[in-house]
Amino acid sequence: MPSWLRFAADGRATLTLHIQPGAKTTEVAGEHGDALKLRLAAPPVDGKANAALLAFIAARLGVAKAAVTLKSGQTSRRKVVDVADAPADTAQRLSPG
C-alpha cells in the first residue's frame, strides 16, 4: 500500500495529498515524497481549489461528494482528505493516467 494512503477498520481511507492549483488540467501527477500529487485546474482563491479537489476525489473513487471531507490543509498545498466507505482499490483508482 502506498505511503499516502491509510485505511481504518471502519472502511474510511485517509489520503495525504500535495496539491498544485492553477494547472492546465486536473489530474493525478504521481507521488511527491509521502504524498500523492494532484494538479488542479481550479485557482487557489475562495476555496475553489478545495472544492474541485473534493469533487475530483469523489468522482475518481465513485463515492458521493458528501463522503469526501478535507481534514487539514485548507490553505496549504499539503492536504489530508478523509473518504468514508472508500473502495478497496482506492490506490489503483488514484493512480496516474
N, C-alpha and C. Protein backbone atom coordinates (compact mmCIF):
# COMPACT_ATOMS: atom_id res chain seq x y z
N MET A 1 0.85 -1.18 0.00
CA MET A 1 0.00 0.00 0.00
C MET A 1 0.90 1.24 0.00
N PRO A 2 0.56 2.24 -0.81
CA PRO A 2 1.40 3.45 -0.86
C PRO A 2 1.37 4.21 0.47
N SER A 3 2.41 4.98 0.72
CA SER A 3 2.52 5.71 1.99
C SER A 3 1.49 6.82 2.13
N TRP A 4 0.92 7.29 1.03
CA TRP A 4 -0.06 8.38 1.09
C TRP A 4 -1.47 7.91 1.40
N LEU A 5 -1.67 6.60 1.52
CA LEU A 5 -2.99 6.02 1.75
C LEU A 5 -3.01 5.19 3.01
N ARG A 6 -4.00 5.45 3.88
CA ARG A 6 -4.18 4.66 5.09
C ARG A 6 -5.65 4.28 5.22
N PHE A 7 -5.92 3.02 5.50
CA PHE A 7 -7.29 2.55 5.71
C PHE A 7 -7.52 2.34 7.20
N ALA A 8 -8.70 2.71 7.67
CA ALA A 8 -9.11 2.45 9.05
C ALA A 8 -10.00 1.21 9.06
N ALA A 9 -10.22 0.65 10.24
CA ALA A 9 -11.03 -0.56 10.37
C ALA A 9 -12.48 -0.34 9.95
N ASP A 10 -12.97 0.89 10.03
CA ASP A 10 -14.37 1.17 9.68
C ASP A 10 -14.58 1.44 8.19
N GLY A 11 -13.56 1.23 7.37
CA GLY A 11 -13.70 1.42 5.93
C GLY A 11 -13.33 2.80 5.43
N ARG A 12 -12.94 3.68 6.35
CA ARG A 12 -12.52 5.02 5.95
C ARG A 12 -11.09 4.97 5.43
N ALA A 13 -10.82 5.85 4.47
CA ALA A 13 -9.46 5.98 3.95
C ALA A 13 -8.99 7.40 4.21
N THR A 14 -7.73 7.55 4.56
CA THR A 14 -7.12 8.87 4.73
C THR A 14 -6.06 9.02 3.66
N LEU A 15 -6.18 10.11 2.88
CA LEU A 15 -5.25 10.39 1.80
C LEU A 15 -4.39 11.60 2.16
N THR A 16 -3.09 11.48 1.98
CA THR A 16 -2.18 12.62 2.15
C THR A 16 -1.83 13.10 0.75
N LEU A 17 -2.13 14.38 0.49
CA LEU A 17 -2.03 14.90 -0.87
C LEU A 17 -1.14 16.14 -0.94
N HIS A 18 -0.49 16.31 -2.07
CA HIS A 18 0.25 17.54 -2.39
C HIS A 18 -0.46 18.13 -3.61
N ILE A 19 -0.94 19.36 -3.48
CA ILE A 19 -1.79 19.96 -4.49
C ILE A 19 -1.06 21.06 -5.25
N GLN A 20 -1.22 21.06 -6.57
CA GLN A 20 -0.71 22.13 -7.42
C GLN A 20 -1.92 22.79 -8.08
N PRO A 21 -2.43 23.89 -7.51
CA PRO A 21 -3.59 24.56 -8.10
C PRO A 21 -3.19 25.38 -9.32
N GLY A 22 -4.19 25.74 -10.13
CA GLY A 22 -3.94 26.58 -11.28
C GLY A 22 -3.27 25.87 -12.44
N ALA A 23 -3.35 24.54 -12.50
CA ALA A 23 -2.75 23.78 -13.60
C ALA A 23 -3.65 23.84 -14.83
N LYS A 24 -3.14 23.39 -15.96
CA LYS A 24 -3.95 23.38 -17.18
C LYS A 24 -5.10 22.39 -17.09
N THR A 25 -4.83 21.23 -16.52
CA THR A 25 -5.87 20.20 -16.38
C THR A 25 -5.82 19.61 -14.97
N THR A 26 -6.93 19.03 -14.56
CA THR A 26 -6.99 18.35 -13.28
C THR A 26 -6.59 16.90 -13.50
N GLU A 27 -5.53 16.46 -12.79
CA GLU A 27 -5.03 15.11 -12.98
C GLU A 27 -4.18 14.66 -11.81
N VAL A 28 -3.99 13.35 -11.72
CA VAL A 28 -3.06 12.77 -10.75
C VAL A 28 -1.68 12.82 -11.39
N ALA A 29 -0.70 13.36 -10.66
CA ALA A 29 0.64 13.57 -11.22
C ALA A 29 1.69 12.63 -10.65
N GLY A 30 1.30 11.67 -9.84
CA GLY A 30 2.27 10.74 -9.26
C GLY A 30 2.49 11.02 -7.79
N GLU A 31 3.59 10.53 -7.27
CA GLU A 31 3.89 10.72 -5.85
C GLU A 31 4.86 11.88 -5.65
N HIS A 32 4.70 12.54 -4.52
CA HIS A 32 5.56 13.66 -4.13
C HIS A 32 5.97 13.39 -2.69
N GLY A 33 7.11 12.72 -2.51
CA GLY A 33 7.51 12.30 -1.16
C GLY A 33 6.54 11.24 -0.65
N ASP A 34 5.94 11.50 0.51
CA ASP A 34 4.97 10.56 1.07
C ASP A 34 3.53 10.95 0.76
N ALA A 35 3.35 11.84 -0.23
CA ALA A 35 2.02 12.31 -0.60
C ALA A 35 1.74 12.00 -2.08
N LEU A 36 0.47 11.96 -2.42
CA LEU A 36 0.05 11.82 -3.80
C LEU A 36 -0.10 13.23 -4.38
N LYS A 37 0.55 13.49 -5.51
CA LYS A 37 0.49 14.83 -6.11
C LYS A 37 -0.66 14.91 -7.09
N LEU A 38 -1.48 15.95 -6.92
CA LEU A 38 -2.59 16.22 -7.83
C LEU A 38 -2.43 17.61 -8.41
N ARG A 39 -2.68 17.73 -9.70
CA ARG A 39 -2.74 19.04 -10.34
C ARG A 39 -4.21 19.40 -10.48
N LEU A 40 -4.56 20.62 -10.08
CA LEU A 40 -5.95 21.07 -10.17
C LEU A 40 -6.06 22.26 -11.10
N ALA A 41 -7.05 22.24 -11.98
CA ALA A 41 -7.26 23.35 -12.89
C ALA A 41 -7.86 24.56 -12.17
N ALA A 42 -8.46 24.35 -11.02
CA ALA A 42 -9.10 25.45 -10.28
C ALA A 42 -8.05 26.36 -9.64
N PRO A 43 -8.35 27.66 -9.58
CA PRO A 43 -7.42 28.59 -8.93
C PRO A 43 -7.51 28.49 -7.41
N PRO A 44 -6.43 28.85 -6.72
CA PRO A 44 -6.42 28.76 -5.25
C PRO A 44 -7.05 29.98 -4.58
N VAL A 45 -8.26 30.35 -4.98
CA VAL A 45 -8.95 31.50 -4.38
C VAL A 45 -10.35 31.11 -3.96
N ASP A 46 -10.80 31.67 -2.87
CA ASP A 46 -12.17 31.48 -2.36
C ASP A 46 -12.57 30.02 -2.21
N GLY A 47 -11.62 29.15 -1.91
CA GLY A 47 -11.93 27.74 -1.69
C GLY A 47 -12.24 26.96 -2.96
N LYS A 48 -12.02 27.57 -4.13
CA LYS A 48 -12.35 26.87 -5.39
C LYS A 48 -11.48 25.64 -5.59
N ALA A 49 -10.22 25.72 -5.26
CA ALA A 49 -9.33 24.56 -5.43
C ALA A 49 -9.73 23.43 -4.48
N ASN A 50 -10.09 23.77 -3.25
CA ASN A 50 -10.50 22.73 -2.29
C ASN A 50 -11.79 22.04 -2.76
N ALA A 51 -12.75 22.82 -3.27
CA ALA A 51 -13.99 22.23 -3.77
C ALA A 51 -13.72 21.34 -4.97
N ALA A 52 -12.85 21.79 -5.87
CA ALA A 52 -12.50 20.99 -7.05
C ALA A 52 -11.79 19.71 -6.63
N LEU A 53 -10.93 19.80 -5.63
CA LEU A 53 -10.21 18.63 -5.13
C LEU A 53 -11.18 17.58 -4.62
N LEU A 54 -12.12 17.98 -3.77
CA LEU A 54 -13.06 17.02 -3.18
C LEU A 54 -13.94 16.40 -4.26
N ALA A 55 -14.37 17.20 -5.24
CA ALA A 55 -15.20 16.67 -6.33
C ALA A 55 -14.40 15.69 -7.18
N PHE A 56 -13.13 15.99 -7.44
CA PHE A 56 -12.28 15.12 -8.24
C PHE A 56 -12.06 13.78 -7.55
N ILE A 57 -11.75 13.83 -6.25
CA ILE A 57 -11.53 12.59 -5.48
C ILE A 57 -12.81 11.75 -5.47
N ALA A 58 -13.96 12.38 -5.22
CA ALA A 58 -15.23 11.65 -5.20
C ALA A 58 -15.51 10.99 -6.54
N ALA A 59 -15.26 11.71 -7.64
CA ALA A 59 -15.51 11.16 -8.97
C ALA A 59 -14.57 9.99 -9.28
N ARG A 60 -13.29 10.13 -8.96
CA ARG A 60 -12.33 9.06 -9.24
C ARG A 60 -12.61 7.80 -8.43
N LEU A 61 -13.11 7.99 -7.20
CA LEU A 61 -13.37 6.83 -6.34
C LEU A 61 -14.79 6.30 -6.47
N GLY A 62 -15.66 7.04 -7.16
CA GLY A 62 -17.03 6.59 -7.33
C GLY A 62 -17.85 6.66 -6.05
N VAL A 63 -17.57 7.66 -5.22
CA VAL A 63 -18.33 7.86 -3.98
C VAL A 63 -19.03 9.21 -4.05
N ALA A 64 -19.98 9.42 -3.15
CA ALA A 64 -20.70 10.69 -3.10
C ALA A 64 -19.76 11.80 -2.62
N LYS A 65 -20.01 13.02 -3.07
CA LYS A 65 -19.20 14.16 -2.64
C LYS A 65 -19.23 14.31 -1.12
N ALA A 66 -20.36 13.98 -0.52
CA ALA A 66 -20.51 14.10 0.93
C ALA A 66 -19.61 13.12 1.69
N ALA A 67 -19.13 12.08 1.02
CA ALA A 67 -18.26 11.08 1.66
C ALA A 67 -16.81 11.55 1.73
N VAL A 68 -16.49 12.64 1.05
CA VAL A 68 -15.11 13.13 0.99
C VAL A 68 -15.01 14.44 1.76
N THR A 69 -14.16 14.46 2.79
CA THR A 69 -14.01 15.68 3.59
C THR A 69 -12.53 16.06 3.72
N LEU A 70 -12.30 17.35 3.79
CA LEU A 70 -10.95 17.89 3.97
C LEU A 70 -10.68 17.98 5.46
N LYS A 71 -9.75 17.17 5.96
CA LYS A 71 -9.45 17.14 7.39
C LYS A 71 -8.47 18.23 7.78
N SER A 72 -7.47 18.49 6.93
CA SER A 72 -6.50 19.53 7.25
C SER A 72 -5.87 20.07 5.98
N GLY A 73 -5.32 21.27 6.07
CA GLY A 73 -4.64 21.88 4.95
C GLY A 73 -5.49 22.80 4.11
N GLN A 74 -6.49 23.45 4.71
CA GLN A 74 -7.39 24.30 3.95
C GLN A 74 -6.65 25.35 3.12
N THR A 75 -5.57 25.90 3.64
CA THR A 75 -4.83 26.95 2.93
C THR A 75 -3.42 26.51 2.55
N SER A 76 -3.16 25.23 2.61
CA SER A 76 -1.83 24.71 2.34
C SER A 76 -1.85 23.84 1.09
N ARG A 77 -0.68 23.62 0.48
CA ARG A 77 -0.59 22.69 -0.64
C ARG A 77 -0.68 21.25 -0.15
N ARG A 78 -0.28 21.02 1.08
CA ARG A 78 -0.35 19.67 1.67
C ARG A 78 -1.69 19.53 2.38
N LYS A 79 -2.44 18.54 1.95
CA LYS A 79 -3.79 18.35 2.49
C LYS A 79 -3.99 16.91 2.92
N VAL A 80 -4.87 16.73 3.90
CA VAL A 80 -5.28 15.40 4.34
C VAL A 80 -6.77 15.31 4.11
N VAL A 81 -7.17 14.29 3.33
CA VAL A 81 -8.57 14.10 2.96
C VAL A 81 -9.05 12.78 3.51
N ASP A 82 -10.26 12.78 4.06
CA ASP A 82 -10.89 11.59 4.62
C ASP A 82 -11.99 11.12 3.67
N VAL A 83 -12.03 9.83 3.35
CA VAL A 83 -13.04 9.28 2.46
C VAL A 83 -13.80 8.17 3.18
N ALA A 84 -15.11 8.39 3.38
CA ALA A 84 -15.94 7.36 4.02
C ALA A 84 -16.26 6.28 3.00
N ASP A 85 -16.33 5.04 3.44
CA ASP A 85 -16.66 3.89 2.58
C ASP A 85 -15.81 3.87 1.31
N ALA A 86 -14.52 4.05 1.48
CA ALA A 86 -13.60 4.07 0.34
C ALA A 86 -13.52 2.67 -0.28
N PRO A 87 -13.46 2.60 -1.61
CA PRO A 87 -13.33 1.29 -2.25
C PRO A 87 -11.99 0.65 -1.95
N ALA A 88 -11.96 -0.67 -1.98
CA ALA A 88 -10.73 -1.40 -1.67
C ALA A 88 -9.61 -1.09 -2.66
N ASP A 89 -9.99 -0.72 -3.89
CA ASP A 89 -8.98 -0.42 -4.92
C ASP A 89 -8.72 1.08 -5.04
N THR A 90 -8.79 1.80 -3.93
CA THR A 90 -8.57 3.23 -3.93
C THR A 90 -7.22 3.61 -4.55
N ALA A 91 -6.15 2.92 -4.18
CA ALA A 91 -4.83 3.25 -4.73
C ALA A 91 -4.81 3.10 -6.25
N GLN A 92 -5.45 2.06 -6.76
CA GLN A 92 -5.49 1.84 -8.21
C GLN A 92 -6.31 2.93 -8.90
N ARG A 93 -7.42 3.31 -8.31
CA ARG A 93 -8.28 4.33 -8.92
C ARG A 93 -7.62 5.71 -8.95
N LEU A 94 -6.69 5.94 -8.02
CA LEU A 94 -6.00 7.23 -7.97
C LEU A 94 -4.61 7.16 -8.59
N SER A 95 -4.34 6.11 -9.32
CA SER A 95 -3.03 6.03 -9.98
C SER A 95 -2.99 7.00 -11.16
N PRO A 96 -1.82 7.52 -11.48
CA PRO A 96 -1.70 8.48 -12.60
C PRO A 96 -2.15 7.86 -13.92
N GLY A 97 -2.71 8.73 -14.75
CA GLY A 97 -3.08 8.27 -16.09
C GLY A 97 -4.53 8.08 -16.32
